[in-house]
């Protein structure tokens, strides 16, 4: 199943087109893409029903963030060994956790304003919580995931690293710095397509040049392990999101460093899910 945000309304995406959920369900489920996670099991049962549903065609520019207003946004740093190596730090023995503030969330297409001269890319797999997770074991964690989507943890490095203590959350939370999309794909959908949700290829390109390429099989802390460790500290609620970390290839680690400029096009991809496509404009 693929669900998402079409012109601000909850949609189910089929091969034939998009289904407006509120209309197709006769109002059983509302149009708000965020609220569906509060009734995730009921929605899955309805969406898997046999009845035919009217579909409409759509343009990629109509898509918004599939999780527009998460209650909690968790982001994980240094979660690939090769990224830790390029950053010049030891492989962590526990996940470094920060947040990206909700005002930075945007959809999978469009323009993003550069917040400074050192804006960097970080393609990531994003996990979305579908069932409340409180002290959940890693073996049971996938049962608490609604699905997966593509994300970018865009970072203004000067702001991120300024001052006596790094400002990770601020440096990564300018408007548009947390794009997600193009939709959420459920775990069973990925497996039906022959993909392992624990081993998805991901990468990004700037102006057609590949700058990051990796696989989530190389995560130090897998999605289930992250859910286990986070939920051991506080409950994860339906609709919360987890940016799971980025592989090597970020601009800051290059010699010389390379950052995004006005006019650049950034395409971010996760296999089996889709891609994000953004252009950057001067502030």
Protein backbone atom coordinates (compact mmCIF):
# COMPACT_ATOMS: atom_id res chain seq x y z
CA UNK A 1 0.00 0.00 0.00
CA UNK A 2 1.13 3.52 -0.82
CA UNK A 3 -0.53 6.46 0.90
CA UNK A 4 0.26 10.12 0.91
CA UNK A 5 -0.72 13.73 0.64
CA UNK A 6 -2.35 14.93 -2.58
CA UNK A 7 -3.16 18.64 -2.53
CA UNK A 8 -3.40 18.46 1.26
CA UNK A 9 -5.77 15.47 1.30
CA UNK A 10 -5.15 11.87 2.28
CA UNK A 11 -4.79 9.69 -0.81
CA UNK A 12 -4.27 6.03 -1.57
CA UNK A 13 -2.02 5.56 -4.60
CA UNK A 14 -2.73 2.70 -7.00
CA UNK A 15 -1.16 1.86 -10.35
CA UNK A 16 -4.18 3.43 -12.06
CA UNK A 17 -4.04 6.70 -10.13
CA UNK A 18 -4.92 8.27 -6.78
CA UNK A 19 -7.93 7.57 -4.58
CA UNK A 20 -9.28 10.37 -2.38
CA UNK A 21 -9.73 8.46 0.89
CA UNK A 22 -12.37 10.72 2.49
CA UNK A 23 -14.61 10.53 -0.58
CA UNK A 24 -14.05 6.84 -1.26
CA UNK A 25 -14.75 5.89 2.36
CA UNK A 26 -17.89 8.01 2.55
CA UNK A 27 -16.34 10.04 5.34
CA UNK A 28 -15.33 7.04 7.45
CA UNK A 29 -11.79 8.43 7.25
CA UNK A 30 -11.16 12.15 7.07
CA UNK A 31 -9.08 14.04 4.51
CA UNK A 32 -6.21 14.94 6.89
CA UNK A 33 -3.08 12.92 5.97
CA UNK A 34 -1.77 13.12 9.54
CA UNK A 35 -4.85 11.82 11.33
CA UNK A 36 -4.90 8.47 9.54
CA UNK A 37 -2.08 7.18 11.76
CA UNK A 38 -4.35 7.43 14.82
CA UNK A 39 -6.57 4.76 13.22
CA UNK A 40 -3.90 2.89 11.34
CA UNK A 41 -5.14 -0.67 11.79
CA UNK A 42 -8.70 0.29 10.83
CA UNK A 43 -7.44 2.15 7.80
CA UNK A 44 -5.30 -0.78 6.65
CA UNK A 45 -8.33 -3.05 6.84
CA UNK A 46 -10.41 -0.62 4.77
CA UNK A 47 -7.67 0.04 2.21
CA UNK A 48 -7.20 -3.69 1.65
CA UNK A 49 -10.87 -4.20 0.84
CA UNK A 50 -11.91 -5.69 -2.50
CA UNK A 51 -14.21 -2.92 -3.71
CA UNK A 52 -13.29 -0.90 -6.80
CA UNK A 53 -12.51 2.76 -6.18
CA UNK A 54 -12.54 5.77 -8.44
CA UNK A 55 -9.07 7.05 -9.26
CA UNK A 56 -7.80 10.35 -10.63
CA UNK A 57 -4.57 11.21 -12.38
CA UNK A 58 -2.19 13.63 -10.69
CA UNK A 59 1.06 15.50 -11.22
CA UNK A 60 4.09 15.02 -8.93
CA UNK A 61 3.90 18.72 -8.03
CA UNK A 62 0.57 18.06 -6.28
CA UNK A 63 2.19 15.80 -3.68
CA UNK A 64 2.88 17.06 -0.17
CA UNK A 65 4.72 15.52 2.76
CA UNK A 66 3.03 12.20 3.60
CA UNK A 67 3.44 13.00 7.31
CA UNK A 68 2.90 16.77 7.46
CA UNK A 69 2.61 17.31 11.24
CA UNK A 70 4.34 14.56 13.23
CA UNK A 71 4.17 14.94 16.97
CA UNK A 72 7.79 13.87 17.34
CA UNK A 73 10.63 13.94 14.83
CA UNK A 74 13.66 11.86 15.72
CA UNK A 75 16.86 12.10 13.70
CA UNK A 76 19.87 9.83 14.03
CA UNK A 77 23.44 10.91 13.42
CA UNK A 78 26.46 8.86 12.33
CA UNK A 79 24.40 5.74 11.64
CA UNK A 80 26.61 4.43 8.81
CA UNK A 81 30.21 3.41 9.44
CA UNK A 82 31.44 5.06 6.26
CA UNK A 83 29.76 8.33 7.22
CA UNK A 84 31.31 8.21 10.70
CA UNK A 85 34.69 7.61 9.03
CA UNK A 86 34.35 10.58 6.68
CA UNK A 87 33.33 12.73 9.66
CA UNK A 88 36.48 11.62 11.48
CA UNK A 89 34.69 10.19 14.51
CA UNK A 90 34.48 6.76 16.10
CA UNK A 91 31.56 4.46 15.32
CA UNK A 92 28.99 5.21 18.06
CA UNK A 93 27.98 2.52 20.53
CA UNK A 94 24.55 4.10 20.91
CA UNK A 95 22.49 6.17 18.44
CA UNK A 96 23.23 9.93 18.53
CA UNK A 97 19.73 11.46 18.58
CA UNK A 98 18.55 14.99 17.76
CA UNK A 99 15.34 16.48 16.33
CA UNK A 100 14.33 18.38 13.24
CA UNK A 101 11.63 20.90 14.10
CA UNK A 102 8.26 20.41 12.45
CA UNK A 103 8.31 23.77 10.67
CA UNK A 104 11.07 22.45 8.40
CA UNK A 105 8.90 19.73 6.83
CA UNK A 106 8.06 20.05 3.15
CA UNK A 107 6.94 17.80 0.31
CA UNK A 108 8.79 15.84 -2.35
CA UNK A 109 8.90 18.53 -5.06
CA UNK A 110 9.56 22.24 -5.33
CA UNK A 111 12.02 24.97 -4.45
CA UNK A 112 13.95 25.30 -1.19
CA UNK A 113 15.52 28.57 -0.07
CA UNK A 114 19.20 28.37 0.82
CA UNK A 115 19.65 29.51 4.41
CA UNK A 116 23.37 30.20 4.03
CA UNK A 117 26.53 29.40 2.13
CA UNK A 118 27.10 25.94 3.63
CA UNK A 119 23.88 23.99 2.99
CA UNK A 120 24.63 20.26 2.72
CA UNK A 121 22.70 17.17 1.56
CA UNK A 122 21.97 13.98 3.54
CA UNK A 123 19.66 11.43 1.93
CA UNK A 124 17.88 9.23 4.48
CA UNK A 125 15.33 6.49 4.88
CA UNK A 126 12.49 7.74 7.11
CA UNK A 127 10.39 5.36 9.22
CA UNK A 128 6.86 6.35 10.25
CA UNK A 129 5.27 4.95 13.41
CA UNK A 130 1.84 3.35 12.96
CA UNK A 131 1.23 1.84 16.40
CA UNK A 132 2.22 3.20 19.79
CA UNK A 133 5.60 1.78 20.75
CA UNK A 134 6.48 1.70 24.44
CA UNK A 135 9.49 -0.43 25.42
CA UNK A 136 9.16 -2.51 22.26
CA UNK A 137 11.68 -5.27 21.53
CA UNK A 138 13.57 -5.05 18.25
CA UNK A 139 12.07 -8.38 17.13
CA UNK A 140 8.59 -6.83 17.35
CA UNK A 141 9.46 -3.37 16.05
CA UNK A 142 8.38 -3.74 12.40
CA UNK A 143 4.83 -4.39 13.65
CA UNK A 144 4.82 -0.79 14.94
CA UNK A 145 5.91 0.79 11.65
CA UNK A 146 3.23 2.18 9.32
CA UNK A 147 5.70 2.42 6.48
CA UNK A 148 8.79 4.02 5.03
CA UNK A 149 9.44 7.13 2.96
CA UNK A 150 12.34 9.10 1.49
CA UNK A 151 13.81 12.03 3.41
CA UNK A 152 16.55 14.63 3.20
CA UNK A 153 18.25 15.89 6.34
CA UNK A 154 19.36 19.19 4.81
CA UNK A 155 21.88 20.96 7.03
CA UNK A 156 23.29 24.48 7.21
CA UNK A 157 26.69 23.44 8.53
CA UNK A 158 27.82 26.84 9.81
CA UNK A 159 24.72 27.16 11.99
CA UNK A 160 24.87 23.48 12.97
CA UNK A 161 28.44 23.70 14.26
CA UNK A 162 28.51 27.26 15.64
CA UNK A 163 29.05 28.10 19.31
CA UNK A 164 30.37 26.16 22.27
CA UNK A 165 27.80 23.39 21.69
CA UNK A 166 26.68 22.22 18.22
CA UNK A 167 23.18 23.35 17.23
CA UNK A 168 22.17 20.28 15.24
CA UNK A 169 18.43 20.82 15.53
CA UNK A 170 18.54 24.49 14.52
CA UNK A 171 21.02 24.00 11.70
CA UNK A 172 18.80 21.27 10.23
CA UNK A 173 15.41 22.97 10.67
CA UNK A 174 15.24 25.93 8.31
CA UNK A 175 12.04 26.01 6.21
CA UNK A 176 12.11 23.17 3.70
CA UNK A 177 15.05 21.39 5.33
CA UNK A 178 13.06 18.21 6.09
CA UNK A 179 11.50 17.14 2.79
CA UNK A 180 9.71 13.78 2.73
CA UNK A 181 7.88 11.74 0.14
CA UNK A 182 6.76 11.04 -2.45
CA UNK A 183 4.48 8.82 -0.35
CA UNK A 184 4.61 6.26 2.44
CA UNK A 185 5.10 2.62 1.40
CA UNK A 186 4.06 -0.14 3.77
CA UNK A 187 6.41 -2.97 4.70
CA UNK A 188 4.22 -5.65 3.11
CA UNK A 189 4.19 -3.68 -0.16
CA UNK A 190 7.98 -3.63 -0.22
CA UNK A 191 8.22 -7.34 0.52
CA UNK A 192 5.62 -8.13 -2.15
CA UNK A 193 7.88 -6.34 -4.60
CA UNK A 194 10.80 -8.58 -3.63
CA UNK A 195 12.54 -5.95 -1.48
CA UNK A 196 13.94 -6.37 2.02
CA UNK A 197 12.95 -3.36 4.18
CA UNK A 198 16.23 -3.87 6.06
CA UNK A 199 18.30 -3.57 2.86
CA UNK A 200 17.11 -0.76 0.59
CA UNK A 201 19.44 1.06 -1.78
CA UNK A 202 19.47 4.83 -1.37
CA UNK A 203 21.35 7.75 -2.83
CA UNK A 204 21.20 11.30 -4.12
CA UNK A 205 22.52 13.33 -7.03
CA UNK A 206 23.30 17.02 -7.53
CA UNK A 207 22.72 18.26 -11.08
CA UNK A 208 22.78 14.66 -12.27
CA UNK A 209 26.05 13.77 -10.53
CA UNK A 210 25.80 10.98 -7.96
CA UNK A 211 27.07 12.25 -4.60
CA UNK A 212 25.73 9.58 -2.22
CA UNK A 213 25.08 5.89 -2.73
CA UNK A 214 24.48 3.28 -0.06
CA UNK A 215 22.20 0.63 1.38
CA UNK A 216 20.26 0.54 4.62
CA UNK A 217 21.76 -2.92 5.19
CA UNK A 218 24.79 -0.92 6.38
CA UNK A 219 22.93 0.95 9.11
CA UNK A 220 24.74 0.60 12.42
CA UNK A 221 21.38 0.70 14.20
CA UNK A 222 18.62 -0.77 12.01
CA UNK A 223 15.07 0.56 11.99
CA UNK A 224 13.92 -2.13 14.48
CA UNK A 225 16.90 -1.42 16.74
CA UNK A 226 16.20 2.33 16.64
CA UNK A 227 12.58 1.77 17.61
CA UNK A 228 13.64 -0.51 20.46
CA UNK A 229 16.18 1.97 21.81
CA UNK A 230 13.99 5.06 21.43
CA UNK A 231 10.89 3.40 22.87
CA UNK A 232 12.92 2.27 25.88
CA UNK A 233 13.22 5.96 26.79
CA UNK A 234 9.82 7.36 25.77
CA UNK A 235 6.74 6.16 23.90
CA UNK A 236 6.66 6.58 20.15
CA UNK A 237 3.21 7.67 19.00
CA UNK A 238 1.39 7.00 15.73
CA UNK A 239 2.54 9.48 13.12
CA UNK A 240 5.97 10.10 14.67
CA UNK A 241 8.87 9.94 12.21
CA UNK A 242 12.46 8.75 12.46
CA UNK A 243 15.15 10.02 10.07
CA UNK A 244 17.48 7.04 10.24
CA UNK A 245 20.83 8.52 9.17
CA UNK A 246 22.82 9.11 6.00
CA UNK A 247 25.59 7.19 4.19
CA UNK A 248 28.92 8.71 3.21
CA UNK A 249 29.28 11.35 0.52
CA UNK A 250 28.10 14.53 2.25
CA UNK A 251 29.48 17.81 0.94
CA UNK A 252 31.14 18.89 4.18
CA UNK A 253 33.50 15.89 4.12
CA UNK A 254 34.75 16.48 0.58
CA UNK A 255 38.13 18.00 -0.17
CA UNK A 256 37.51 20.81 -0.76
CA UNK A 257 34.05 20.94 0.87
CA UNK A 258 31.13 21.29 -1.54
CA UNK A 259 27.79 22.85 -0.74
CA UNK A 260 24.51 23.50 -2.53
CA UNK A 261 24.18 26.64 -4.64
CA UNK A 262 21.27 28.55 -6.16
CA UNK A 263 20.04 26.70 -9.25
CA UNK A 264 21.22 23.27 -8.09
CA UNK A 265 18.86 20.33 -8.50
CA UNK A 266 18.93 17.63 -5.80
CA UNK A 267 17.32 14.25 -6.46
CA UNK A 268 17.09 11.81 -3.55
CA UNK A 269 16.02 8.19 -4.01
CA UNK A 270 15.23 5.07 -1.98
CA UNK A 271 14.60 1.84 -3.91
CA UNK A 272 11.00 0.66 -3.85
CA UNK A 273 9.73 4.00 -2.54
CA UNK A 274 10.55 6.74 -5.03
CA UNK A 275 12.37 10.04 -5.20
CA UNK A 276 12.44 13.64 -4.06
CA UNK A 277 13.29 16.41 -6.53
CA UNK A 278 14.17 19.90 -5.30
CA UNK A 279 15.77 23.03 -6.71
CA UNK A 280 17.54 25.54 -4.53
CA UNK A 281 17.06 29.29 -4.71
CA UNK A 282 18.98 32.16 -3.12
CA UNK A 283 17.74 33.48 0.20
